Amino acid sequence: MTTGLLLGKFAPLTTGHEYAVRQAASQVDALYVVLCYDQKFNDMQSERMSLVLSERNRYLWLRETFKDNKKVHIIVVDESKIDPYPEGGADFTKLVRAKLQDIQMEDAIDLVFSSEPTYDEYFAAYFPEARHVVIDADRENIPISATAVRNDIYGKWEYLADAVKKDFTKSIVVIGCESTGKSTLVKNLAEYFDTVSVPEVGRTICEERFFSQEKYMSEQDYVMIAYEHKLAEKRAQRTGKKFVLSDTNNLITEFSALCMGLESDTLKMLSARESYDLVLYLDIDVPWVADGLRQNGSPDKRKMTNQMLLDLCKERCVKNIVCIDGSFEERFKKAVNAIEKIME
């Protein structure tokens, strides 16, 4: 039985890593892929990058990507407490061998794989029983490195492994009072950017289950809407797009319930815990249009509910808000500019 060993940070997992692992697995009967996790490395990244590049995420990316390859075995080595390479070479090797012993790997290591010819010296010193095999050193097959991807995630999006994309997908929500053009704007933006959108789950449920009679909805009905909308957002994040657009959110669900005189600790908790990369807040400076469901059409009621929603945003500490006003054409242009800015 031929056994191989491949080491890597996989920060993040790229198509280049996928190619290397599959090439290595094709040359052995069993391949042990060692995820090398170092918190010191994570601490050097931006806050968002550090969160996404957690040990949990990197492990799950590898497991999801190679779940159907029975030759590939994923193990994790935490090198946070030792010196980095090359000073920590001896200590790192001890960690790797100890982990292999923990999983009761009894076979000798025949081949060690990397994409760097310069690792010859390290492997010769610490894995003398194995032959070093270099895969795509010049990156002719997959012309990318994890560093290049990490430095330009959205510009190098196509080089991210599919399992990774959901964790880098940004979330954008459009909110506002009744008849401010939320649904139309979301639809137009999704078409313009060729991305996916999440419809207003609350409207669909109110129309289909309550025949547009919101007065018959209970607190639990609004809670159900909140959970279903959040699940729809999570499903949309798995599409592999750079960002997902959402038509309203749990804050609007809580706001709608409050407008009907219903208070809910659950809705308050759900809306307070929401986080979006961008919140597009639509002003009320467009004509109000009746549609059989809307009920706050007078100028005074529009001003009152708009201020109520603005106050709720402050109470729930909503971040990353950009206010959008003007004609429908102006709103679209302002929304496009706001989205392009956060995607730079």
Protein backbone atom coordinates (compact mmCIF):
# COMPACT_ATOMS: atom_id res chain seq x y z
CA MET A 1 0.00 0.00 0.00
CA THR A 2 1.40 3.38 -1.06
CA THR A 3 0.87 6.26 1.36
CA GLY A 4 1.20 9.95 0.63
CA LEU A 5 1.34 13.14 2.67
CA LEU A 6 0.38 16.65 1.55
CA LEU A 7 0.69 19.72 3.78
CA GLY A 8 -1.04 23.07 3.37
CA LYS A 9 -2.73 26.06 4.97
CA PHE A 10 -5.58 26.12 2.43
CA ALA A 11 -6.18 29.76 3.32
CA PRO A 12 -8.44 29.78 1.42
CA LEU A 13 -8.92 26.51 -0.45
CA THR A 14 -8.40 27.23 -4.16
CA THR A 15 -8.81 25.34 -7.41
CA GLY A 16 -5.03 25.06 -7.37
CA HIS A 17 -5.21 23.17 -4.08
CA GLU A 18 -7.95 20.97 -5.52
CA TYR A 19 -5.75 20.11 -8.50
CA ALA A 20 -2.77 19.31 -6.27
CA VAL A 21 -4.76 17.05 -3.94
CA ARG A 22 -6.36 15.15 -6.81
CA GLN A 23 -3.03 14.72 -8.57
CA ALA A 24 -1.41 13.47 -5.37
CA ALA A 25 -4.29 11.10 -4.62
CA SER A 26 -3.96 9.57 -8.08
CA GLN A 27 -0.41 8.45 -7.23
CA VAL A 28 -1.09 6.70 -3.91
CA ASP A 29 -3.50 4.31 -2.23
CA ALA A 30 -4.04 6.66 0.71
CA LEU A 31 -3.36 10.39 0.92
CA TYR A 32 -3.20 12.23 4.24
CA VAL A 33 -3.90 15.92 3.73
CA VAL A 34 -2.62 17.91 6.69
CA LEU A 35 -4.38 21.21 7.36
CA CYS A 36 -1.76 23.39 9.04
CA TYR A 37 -3.56 25.93 11.22
CA ASP A 38 -1.67 28.83 12.80
CA GLN A 39 -3.58 31.47 14.77
CA LYS A 40 -0.62 33.83 14.37
CA PHE A 41 -1.25 33.79 10.64
CA ASN A 42 -4.96 34.53 11.15
CA ASP A 43 -4.15 37.43 13.46
CA MET A 44 -2.28 39.09 10.59
CA GLN A 45 -5.40 39.14 8.40
CA SER A 46 -8.28 41.60 8.35
CA GLU A 47 -11.07 40.94 10.84
CA ARG A 48 -13.40 39.51 8.19
CA MET A 49 -10.66 37.43 6.56
CA SER A 50 -9.58 36.03 9.91
CA LEU A 51 -13.13 34.95 10.70
CA VAL A 52 -13.63 33.26 7.35
CA LEU A 53 -10.24 31.52 7.51
CA SER A 54 -11.09 29.82 10.80
CA GLU A 55 -9.91 26.27 11.44
CA ARG A 56 -13.53 25.13 11.31
CA ASN A 57 -14.15 26.59 7.86
CA ARG A 58 -10.91 25.32 6.34
CA TYR A 59 -11.54 21.82 7.66
CA LEU A 60 -15.11 21.78 6.36
CA TRP A 61 -14.02 23.13 2.95
CA LEU A 62 -11.62 20.22 2.58
CA ARG A 63 -14.11 17.64 3.79
CA GLU A 64 -16.86 18.91 1.48
CA THR A 65 -14.56 19.13 -1.53
CA PHE A 66 -13.10 15.64 -1.19
CA LYS A 67 -15.99 13.83 0.48
CA ASP A 68 -16.34 11.45 -2.47
CA ASN A 69 -12.65 10.59 -2.72
CA LYS A 70 -12.08 7.63 -0.41
CA LYS A 71 -8.31 7.94 -0.73
CA VAL A 72 -8.21 11.40 0.86
CA HIS A 73 -8.04 11.71 4.65
CA ILE A 74 -8.10 15.15 6.29
CA ILE A 75 -6.26 15.80 9.54
CA VAL A 76 -5.60 19.07 11.38
CA VAL A 77 -2.35 20.18 13.00
CA ASP A 78 -2.41 23.32 15.15
CA GLU A 79 1.00 24.97 14.87
CA SER A 80 -0.02 28.17 16.66
CA LYS A 81 2.38 27.63 19.58
CA ILE A 82 5.54 26.88 17.61
CA ASP A 83 7.88 29.01 15.53
CA PRO A 84 7.01 29.44 11.86
CA TYR A 85 8.90 27.69 9.07
CA PRO A 86 11.84 27.18 8.77
CA GLU A 87 12.77 27.74 12.45
CA GLY A 88 9.92 25.58 13.67
CA GLY A 89 10.55 22.73 11.24
CA ALA A 90 11.49 20.15 13.85
CA ASP A 91 8.62 21.02 16.19
CA PHE A 92 6.16 21.04 13.30
CA THR A 93 7.28 17.59 12.18
CA LYS A 94 6.73 16.26 15.70
CA LEU A 95 3.18 17.61 15.61
CA VAL A 96 2.48 15.97 12.27
CA ARG A 97 3.92 12.60 13.28
CA ALA A 98 2.05 12.71 16.60
CA LYS A 99 -1.20 13.38 14.77
CA LEU A 100 -0.58 10.50 12.37
CA GLN A 101 0.09 8.27 15.35
CA ASP A 102 -3.14 9.47 17.01
CA ILE A 103 -5.17 8.30 14.05
CA GLN A 104 -3.26 5.00 14.14
CA MET A 105 -1.67 5.34 10.74
CA GLU A 106 0.74 2.42 10.71
CA ASP A 107 1.91 2.55 7.09
CA ALA A 108 5.17 4.27 6.22
CA ILE A 109 4.99 7.50 4.25
CA ASP A 110 6.19 6.78 0.73
CA LEU A 111 5.59 10.13 -0.98
CA VAL A 112 5.34 13.71 0.23
CA PHE A 113 3.72 16.25 -2.07
CA SER A 114 4.08 20.00 -2.46
CA SER A 115 4.18 22.65 -5.17
CA GLU A 116 7.52 24.06 -4.02
CA PRO A 117 10.88 22.54 -5.11
CA THR A 118 12.51 24.57 -2.29
CA TYR A 119 10.95 22.19 0.25
CA ASP A 120 13.37 19.45 -0.82
CA GLU A 121 15.69 20.28 2.07
CA TYR A 122 12.92 20.20 4.67
CA PHE A 123 11.47 16.88 3.53
CA ALA A 124 14.93 15.31 3.21
CA ALA A 125 15.69 16.29 6.80
CA TYR A 126 12.40 15.43 8.46
CA PHE A 127 10.76 12.82 6.21
CA PRO A 128 13.82 10.97 4.89
CA GLU A 129 11.82 7.80 4.28
CA ALA A 130 9.68 9.53 1.66
CA ARG A 131 10.27 10.87 -1.84
CA HIS A 132 9.31 14.47 -2.50
CA VAL A 133 6.99 14.93 -5.49
CA VAL A 134 6.47 18.47 -6.78
CA ILE A 135 3.12 19.21 -8.42
CA ASP A 136 2.70 22.09 -10.88
CA ALA A 137 5.56 24.16 -9.46
CA ASP A 138 5.24 26.75 -12.22
CA ARG A 139 1.44 26.79 -11.85
CA GLU A 140 0.95 26.11 -15.52
CA ASN A 141 -2.23 24.11 -14.97
CA ILE A 142 -3.83 26.43 -12.39
CA PRO A 143 -2.14 29.86 -12.64
CA ILE A 144 -2.93 31.08 -9.15
CA SER A 145 -1.73 31.02 -5.54
CA ALA A 146 -3.67 31.23 -2.29
CA THR A 147 -1.90 34.51 -1.50
CA ALA A 148 -3.06 36.07 -4.78
CA VAL A 149 -6.63 34.90 -4.15
CA ARG A 150 -6.55 36.12 -0.55
CA ASN A 151 -5.39 39.56 -1.69
CA ASP A 152 -8.18 39.87 -4.29
CA ILE A 153 -11.03 37.55 -3.32
CA TYR A 154 -13.66 38.99 -5.64
CA GLY A 155 -11.29 39.67 -8.52
CA LYS A 156 -10.05 36.06 -8.36
CA TRP A 157 -13.45 34.58 -7.51
CA GLU A 158 -13.25 31.84 -10.15
CA TYR A 159 -10.18 30.38 -8.42
CA LEU A 160 -11.98 29.77 -5.12
CA ALA A 161 -13.06 26.20 -4.50
CA ASP A 162 -16.84 25.90 -4.71
CA ALA A 163 -17.08 24.92 -1.05
CA VAL A 164 -15.46 28.21 -0.07
CA LYS A 165 -17.60 30.69 -1.98
CA LYS A 166 -20.58 30.68 0.36
CA ASP A 167 -18.39 31.92 3.20
CA PHE A 168 -17.10 34.89 1.19
CA THR A 169 -20.49 35.72 -0.35
CA LYS A 170 -21.53 39.18 0.80
CA SER A 171 -25.06 39.99 1.90
CA ILE A 172 -26.99 43.06 0.76
CA VAL A 173 -30.50 43.92 1.88
CA VAL A 174 -32.99 46.52 0.66
CA ILE A 175 -35.32 47.89 3.34
CA GLY A 176 -37.79 50.73 3.67
CA CYS A 177 -41.44 51.49 4.36
CA GLU A 178 -44.37 50.54 2.17
CA SER A 179 -44.35 51.52 -1.49
CA THR A 180 -40.74 52.66 -1.76
CA GLY A 181 -39.83 50.32 -4.62
CA LYS A 182 -37.93 47.65 -2.67
CA SER A 183 -38.99 44.61 -4.71
CA THR A 184 -38.54 46.31 -8.06
CA LEU A 185 -35.10 47.61 -7.10
CA VAL A 186 -33.97 44.17 -5.89
CA LYS A 187 -35.15 42.57 -9.13
CA ASN A 188 -33.39 45.18 -11.29
CA LEU A 189 -30.16 44.97 -9.29
CA ALA A 190 -30.13 41.16 -9.46
CA GLU A 191 -30.49 41.32 -13.24
CA TYR A 192 -27.85 44.03 -13.59
CA PHE A 193 -25.25 42.21 -11.49
CA ASP A 194 -26.31 38.71 -12.59
CA THR A 195 -26.72 37.51 -9.04
CA VAL A 196 -29.42 35.82 -6.97
CA SER A 197 -32.04 37.52 -4.84
CA VAL A 198 -34.26 36.47 -1.97
CA PRO A 199 -37.88 37.60 -2.36
CA GLU A 200 -39.93 39.16 0.43
CA VAL A 201 -41.06 36.02 2.19
CA GLY A 202 -43.46 37.94 4.43
CA ARG A 203 -45.47 39.31 1.52
CA THR A 204 -45.75 35.89 -0.10
CA ILE A 205 -46.98 34.28 3.12
CA CYS A 206 -49.44 37.10 3.83
CA GLU A 207 -50.89 36.91 0.33
CA GLU A 208 -51.04 33.13 0.01
CA ARG A 209 -51.90 32.01 3.54
CA PHE A 210 -53.85 35.01 4.85
CA PHE A 211 -55.32 36.30 1.58
CA SER A 212 -53.64 39.70 2.09
CA GLN A 213 -55.39 40.19 5.42
CA GLU A 214 -52.45 41.01 7.66
CA LYS A 215 -54.77 41.80 10.57
CA TYR A 216 -55.32 38.06 11.01
CA MET A 217 -51.64 37.30 11.47
CA SER A 218 -50.38 36.41 14.96
CA GLU A 219 -47.01 36.94 16.59
CA GLN A 220 -46.07 33.36 15.76
CA ASP A 221 -46.89 33.97 12.11
CA TYR A 222 -44.37 36.80 11.99
CA VAL A 223 -41.80 34.63 13.78
CA MET A 224 -42.36 31.93 11.17
CA ILE A 225 -41.79 34.50 8.42
CA ALA A 226 -38.54 35.61 10.08
CA TYR A 227 -37.16 32.07 10.21
CA GLU A 228 -38.25 31.22 6.67
CA HIS A 229 -36.69 34.40 5.29
CA LYS A 230 -33.40 33.69 7.04
CA LEU A 231 -33.35 30.13 5.73
CA ALA A 232 -33.98 31.45 2.22
CA GLU A 233 -30.98 33.76 2.59
CA LYS A 234 -28.77 30.90 3.75
CA ARG A 235 -29.81 28.75 0.80
CA ALA A 236 -29.12 31.61 -1.61
CA GLN A 237 -25.57 31.98 -0.26
CA ARG A 238 -24.72 28.53 -1.58
CA THR A 239 -25.17 29.56 -5.22
CA GLY A 240 -21.54 30.62 -5.69
CA LYS A 241 -22.29 34.28 -6.45
CA LYS A 242 -20.20 37.13 -5.05
CA PHE A 243 -23.15 38.62 -3.18
CA VAL A 244 -26.80 37.93 -2.47
CA LEU A 245 -29.57 40.54 -2.57
CA SER A 246 -32.41 40.29 -0.08
CA ASP A 247 -35.81 41.98 -0.38
CA THR A 248 -36.37 43.03 3.26
CA ASN A 249 -35.12 41.19 6.35
CA ASN A 250 -36.07 40.26 9.91
CA LEU A 251 -35.95 43.91 10.95
CA ILE A 252 -38.77 44.62 8.49
CA THR A 253 -40.66 41.59 9.78
CA GLU A 254 -40.43 42.99 13.32
CA PHE A 255 -41.38 46.44 12.01
CA SER A 256 -44.44 45.02 10.24
CA ALA A 257 -45.54 43.27 13.42
CA LEU A 258 -45.10 46.47 15.43
CA CYS A 259 -47.22 48.37 12.89
CA MET A 260 -49.96 45.83 13.63
CA GLY A 261 -49.58 46.35 17.38
CA LEU A 262 -47.68 43.11 18.02
CA GLU A 263 -44.48 43.04 20.07
CA SER A 264 -42.25 39.97 20.18
CA ASP A 265 -39.06 39.28 22.12
CA THR A 266 -38.18 36.62 19.55
CA LEU A 267 -38.48 39.06 16.64
CA LYS A 268 -36.49 41.63 18.58
CA MET A 269 -33.71 39.10 19.17
CA LEU A 270 -33.68 37.94 15.56
CA SER A 271 -33.52 41.44 14.08
CA ALA A 272 -30.87 42.59 16.56
CA ARG A 273 -28.59 39.69 15.59
CA GLU A 274 -28.77 40.34 11.85
CA SER A 275 -25.68 41.54 10.03
CA TYR A 276 -25.36 42.65 6.41
CA ASP A 277 -22.43 43.98 4.42
CA LEU A 278 -24.71 46.66 3.00
CA VAL A 279 -28.17 47.93 3.95
CA LEU A 280 -29.90 50.04 1.28
CA TYR A 281 -32.55 52.14 3.02
CA LEU A 282 -35.15 53.54 0.61
CA ASP A 283 -36.62 56.95 1.42
CA ILE A 284 -40.35 57.74 1.08
CA ASP A 285 -39.89 60.48 -1.56
CA VAL A 286 -41.67 58.50 -4.30
CA PRO A 287 -45.43 58.26 -4.94
CA TRP A 288 -47.40 55.84 -2.79
CA VAL A 289 -49.15 53.09 -4.77
CA ALA A 290 -52.03 51.02 -3.33
CA ASP A 291 -51.79 47.28 -3.92
CA GLY A 292 -54.42 45.78 -1.63
CA LEU A 293 -51.95 45.06 1.16
CA ARG A 294 -50.43 48.45 1.94
CA GLN A 295 -52.27 50.56 4.50
CA ASN A 296 -50.18 53.58 5.48
CA GLY A 297 -50.56 55.73 2.38
CA SER A 298 -51.39 59.17 3.76
CA PRO A 299 -48.48 61.66 3.93
CA ASP A 300 -48.70 61.81 7.72
CA LYS A 301 -48.72 58.03 8.11
CA ARG A 302 -45.80 57.63 5.70
CA LYS A 303 -43.74 60.13 7.69
CA MET A 304 -44.72 58.48 10.96
CA THR A 305 -43.89 54.93 9.85
CA ASN A 306 -40.67 56.05 8.18
CA GLN A 307 -39.49 57.69 11.40
CA MET A 308 -40.56 54.60 13.30
CA LEU A 309 -38.42 52.41 11.04
CA LEU A 310 -35.44 54.78 11.29
CA ASP A 311 -35.71 54.70 15.09
CA LEU A 312 -35.89 50.89 15.01
CA CYS A 313 -32.69 50.78 12.94
CA LYS A 314 -30.94 52.80 15.63
CA GLU A 315 -32.35 50.66 18.44
CA ARG A 316 -31.17 47.48 16.71
CA CYS A 317 -27.77 49.05 15.93
CA VAL A 318 -28.08 48.42 12.18
CA LYS A 319 -24.73 49.04 10.50
CA ASN A 320 -23.55 49.74 6.96
CA ILE A 321 -26.68 51.75 6.02
CA VAL A 322 -26.76 53.79 2.83
CA CYS A 323 -29.85 55.96 2.35
CA ILE A 324 -31.26 55.91 -1.19
CA ASP A 325 -33.59 58.65 -2.41
CA GLY A 326 -34.65 60.40 -5.59
CA SER A 327 -36.48 59.10 -8.64
CA PHE A 328 -36.56 55.39 -9.38
CA GLU A 329 -33.81 55.87 -11.97
CA GLU A 330 -31.69 57.81 -9.48
CA ARG A 331 -32.27 55.14 -6.82
CA PHE A 332 -31.03 52.43 -9.15
CA LYS A 333 -27.84 54.37 -9.97
CA LYS A 334 -27.15 55.14 -6.31
CA ALA A 335 -27.71 51.50 -5.34
CA VAL A 336 -25.34 50.30 -8.08
CA ASN A 337 -22.65 52.73 -6.91
CA ALA A 338 -23.04 51.60 -3.28
CA ILE A 339 -22.75 47.93 -4.24
CA GLU A 340 -19.75 48.49 -6.51
CA LYS A 341 -18.01 50.35 -3.70
CA ILE A 342 -18.28 47.50 -1.19
CA MET A 343 -17.22 44.97 -3.83
CA GLU A 344 -13.99 46.79 -4.72
